[in-house]
Amino acid sequence: MSQESFEGLLEWLDSDRDQAGIKYEQIRTGLIKFFNCRTHCAAEDLADETINRVVGRLHEVKIQVTGERTRYFFGVARKVQMEYLRRKTPQAPPDSVADSRRVEAEYRCLEECIAKLSAENRELVLGYYAADGREKIEQRKLLAEKLGIAPNALRIRAYRIRAALQKCLERCVEDSLQ
C-alpha cells in the first residue's frame, strides 16, 4: 500500500485525521480478532490482505459505501477467510517418493528465494516471523524501532516481502518438479 493510498483510506474513514487513525487501528485490531477466532493462524496477514483489498477498490468503495465503513471491511474479511480456508489443505507427512521430493524442493527453493532477497529485506522478514506469542509482539516493536518506521509500515513491508517470496517459491518448486 502506497502512502497516497493509505492517506486516501484515512480520508475515507474520517475527515479528522486523528479520528481516522483511531478508526483504522480499531478496524485492523477487529479484523485480527475476527481471523484469530476463525482461522487460528495468519490473522495479521489476513487482516492486512483485507485492508489492501479495500484500498485497491477504494475509488469504487467511496461511491458505493455510505454507511458504517467498518461493516464493509468485515464483509471483505469474510470473503478473504473463505478463500484462505479453500486454499488451506491439511498437510500430511510425506508418505511417498513424490511427496518427499516435493518437500525437499520446497525447502531448497525457500532457501534460494530467501538468498535472493537483499540483506535488509532478508533480515526484516526473518526477524518479523522469528518469534511467537508475546515475544513476537515485542520482537516486531523492536524491529520497527530499529528501522525507524511505524509498526504499520513494518507490517506492510513484511507482507510485500512475503508475497514476493511466495511467488518465487511457487515458480521455483514448479520448475523443480518438471
Protein backbone atom coordinates (compact mmCIF):
# COMPACT_ATOMS: atom_id res chain seq x y z
CA MET A 1 0.00 0.00 0.00
CA SER A 2 1.47 3.33 -1.04
CA GLN A 3 1.46 6.35 1.24
CA GLU A 4 -1.02 8.01 -1.13
CA SER A 5 -3.37 5.01 -0.91
CA PHE A 6 -3.09 4.95 2.86
CA GLU A 7 -3.88 8.68 3.01
CA GLY A 8 -6.93 8.07 0.80
CA LEU A 9 -8.09 5.32 3.15
CA LEU A 10 -7.72 7.55 6.19
CA GLU A 11 -9.60 10.35 4.44
CA TRP A 12 -12.45 7.94 3.63
CA LEU A 13 -12.59 6.70 7.22
CA ASP A 14 -12.92 10.18 8.74
CA SER A 15 -12.24 13.78 7.74
CA ASP A 16 -10.43 14.30 11.07
CA ARG A 17 -7.01 12.66 10.58
CA ASP A 18 -6.62 11.71 14.25
CA GLN A 19 -10.06 10.08 14.32
CA ALA A 20 -9.28 8.32 11.03
CA GLY A 21 -6.10 6.87 12.55
CA ILE A 22 -8.03 5.64 15.57
CA LYS A 23 -10.68 4.07 13.35
CA TYR A 24 -8.02 2.41 11.21
CA GLU A 25 -6.37 0.83 14.26
CA GLN A 26 -9.77 -0.29 15.61
CA ILE A 27 -10.65 -1.86 12.28
CA ARG A 28 -7.29 -3.63 11.99
CA THR A 29 -7.48 -4.90 15.58
CA GLY A 30 -11.04 -6.10 14.98
CA LEU A 31 -10.00 -7.89 11.80
CA ILE A 32 -7.14 -9.64 13.61
CA LYS A 33 -9.58 -10.83 16.30
CA PHE A 34 -12.02 -11.92 13.59
CA PHE A 35 -9.37 -14.04 11.86
CA ASN A 36 -7.91 -15.36 15.13
CA CYS A 37 -11.31 -16.74 16.09
CA ARG A 38 -11.96 -18.31 12.70
CA THR A 39 -8.64 -19.41 11.22
CA HIS A 40 -6.39 -19.73 14.30
CA CYS A 41 -3.38 -18.62 12.26
CA ALA A 42 -2.19 -15.96 9.83
CA ALA A 43 -4.58 -13.45 11.42
CA GLU A 44 -2.35 -10.40 10.88
CA ASP A 45 -1.59 -11.35 7.30
CA LEU A 46 -5.27 -11.92 6.53
CA ALA A 47 -6.19 -8.60 8.17
CA ASP A 48 -3.58 -6.84 6.04
CA GLU A 49 -4.86 -8.63 2.93
CA THR A 50 -8.39 -7.44 3.74
CA ILE A 51 -7.25 -3.84 4.17
CA ASN A 52 -5.21 -4.00 0.96
CA ARG A 53 -8.24 -5.25 -0.96
CA VAL A 54 -10.40 -2.42 0.35
CA VAL A 55 -7.69 0.09 -0.56
CA GLY A 56 -7.35 -1.48 -4.02
CA ARG A 57 -11.02 -0.76 -4.71
CA LEU A 58 -11.24 2.48 -2.74
CA HIS A 59 -12.30 4.59 -5.71
CA GLU A 60 -15.36 2.32 -6.16
CA VAL A 61 -15.94 1.86 -2.45
CA LYS A 62 -16.11 5.61 -1.81
CA ILE A 63 -19.09 5.81 -4.15
CA GLN A 64 -20.87 2.61 -3.07
CA VAL A 65 -20.42 2.61 0.73
CA THR A 66 -22.20 5.42 2.51
CA GLY A 67 -22.88 3.83 5.90
CA GLU A 68 -20.61 2.37 8.54
CA ARG A 69 -17.21 1.73 6.98
CA THR A 70 -16.27 -1.00 9.45
CA ARG A 71 -19.05 -3.27 8.19
CA TYR A 72 -17.60 -3.12 4.68
CA PHE A 73 -14.19 -4.29 5.94
CA PHE A 74 -15.78 -7.27 7.67
CA GLY A 75 -17.71 -8.17 4.53
CA VAL A 76 -14.43 -8.28 2.63
CA ALA A 77 -12.86 -10.20 5.52
CA ARG A 78 -15.45 -12.96 5.22
CA LYS A 79 -14.52 -13.41 1.56
CA VAL A 80 -10.80 -13.41 2.39
CA GLN A 81 -11.48 -16.03 5.08
CA MET A 82 -13.38 -18.27 2.65
CA GLU A 83 -10.55 -18.04 0.11
CA TYR A 84 -7.99 -18.81 2.81
CA LEU A 85 -9.91 -21.85 4.03
CA ARG A 86 -10.31 -23.12 0.46
CA ARG A 87 -6.56 -22.79 -0.14
CA LYS A 88 -5.64 -24.32 3.19
CA THR A 89 -5.40 -28.06 2.94
CA PRO A 90 -4.18 -30.32 5.73
CA GLN A 91 -0.53 -31.16 5.24
CA ALA A 92 0.05 -34.84 5.78
CA PRO A 93 3.59 -36.05 6.32
CA PRO A 94 5.23 -37.17 3.10
CA ASP A 95 4.46 -40.83 2.56
CA SER A 96 5.59 -41.31 -0.99
CA VAL A 97 8.68 -40.58 -3.01
CA ALA A 98 6.83 -37.82 -4.91
CA ASP A 99 5.72 -36.13 -1.67
CA SER A 100 9.22 -36.38 -0.25
CA ARG A 101 10.66 -34.93 -3.46
CA ARG A 102 8.21 -32.02 -3.28
CA VAL A 103 9.08 -31.25 0.36
CA GLU A 104 12.79 -31.27 -0.50
CA ALA A 105 12.16 -28.99 -3.49
CA GLU A 106 10.12 -26.59 -1.34
CA TYR A 107 12.85 -26.41 1.28
CA ARG A 108 15.62 -25.90 -1.28
CA CYS A 109 13.57 -23.30 -3.15
CA LEU A 110 12.76 -21.41 0.04
CA GLU A 111 16.46 -21.18 0.82
CA GLU A 112 17.17 -19.98 -2.74
CA CYS A 113 14.40 -17.38 -2.66
CA ILE A 114 15.47 -16.05 0.73
CA ALA A 115 19.06 -15.83 -0.54
CA LYS A 116 17.86 -13.70 -3.49
CA LEU A 117 16.48 -11.04 -1.13
CA SER A 118 18.56 -8.00 -0.30
CA ALA A 119 20.33 -8.27 3.04
CA GLU A 120 17.97 -5.66 4.51
CA ASN A 121 14.81 -7.45 3.33
CA ARG A 122 16.15 -10.84 4.40
CA GLU A 123 16.89 -9.51 7.91
CA LEU A 124 13.49 -7.82 8.08
CA VAL A 125 11.42 -10.84 7.06
CA LEU A 126 13.39 -13.33 9.17
CA GLY A 127 13.15 -11.03 12.20
CA TYR A 128 9.47 -10.34 11.58
CA TYR A 129 8.49 -14.02 11.58
CA ALA A 130 11.07 -15.24 14.13
CA ALA A 131 9.02 -15.42 17.34
CA ASP A 132 5.61 -16.49 18.65
CA GLY A 133 3.14 -15.15 21.18
CA ARG A 134 4.03 -12.16 23.32
CA GLU A 135 7.66 -12.41 22.23
CA LYS A 136 6.52 -11.87 18.60
CA ILE A 137 4.86 -8.58 19.54
CA GLU A 138 7.95 -7.32 21.36
CA GLN A 139 10.25 -8.51 18.56
CA ARG A 140 8.22 -6.64 15.93
CA LYS A 141 8.09 -3.50 18.05
CA LEU A 142 11.89 -3.56 18.42
CA LEU A 143 12.33 -4.22 14.71
CA ALA A 144 10.15 -1.23 13.79
CA GLU A 145 12.11 0.99 16.19
CA LYS A 146 15.42 -0.28 14.80
CA LEU A 147 14.30 0.54 11.25
CA GLY A 148 12.85 3.87 12.36
CA ILE A 149 9.40 3.14 10.92
CA ALA A 150 5.88 2.82 12.28
CA PRO A 151 4.59 -0.66 13.15
CA ASN A 152 2.05 -0.44 10.32
CA ALA A 153 4.80 0.37 7.81
CA LEU A 154 6.72 -2.66 9.11
CA ARG A 155 3.65 -4.89 8.60
CA ILE A 156 3.23 -3.63 5.06
CA ARG A 157 6.90 -4.21 4.21
CA ALA A 158 6.85 -7.71 5.69
CA TYR A 159 3.66 -8.53 3.79
CA ARG A 160 5.15 -7.38 0.48
CA ILE A 161 8.37 -9.30 1.03
CA ARG A 162 6.43 -12.44 1.98
CA ALA A 163 4.22 -12.10 -1.10
CA ALA A 164 7.30 -11.84 -3.31
CA LEU A 165 8.84 -14.86 -1.55
CA GLN A 166 5.65 -16.84 -2.11
CA LYS A 167 5.71 -16.12 -5.86
CA CYS A 168 9.39 -17.00 -6.08
CA LEU A 169 8.80 -20.21 -4.14
CA GLU A 170 5.85 -21.29 -6.29
CA ARG A 171 7.81 -20.68 -9.53
CA CYS A 172 10.89 -22.45 -8.23
CA VAL A 173 9.00 -25.53 -6.98
CA GLU A 174 7.04 -25.76 -10.22
CA ASP A 175 10.28 -25.59 -12.25
CA SER A 176 11.98 -28.14 -9.96
CA LEU A 177 9.24 -30.73 -10.29
CA GLN A 178 9.01 -30.59 -14.09
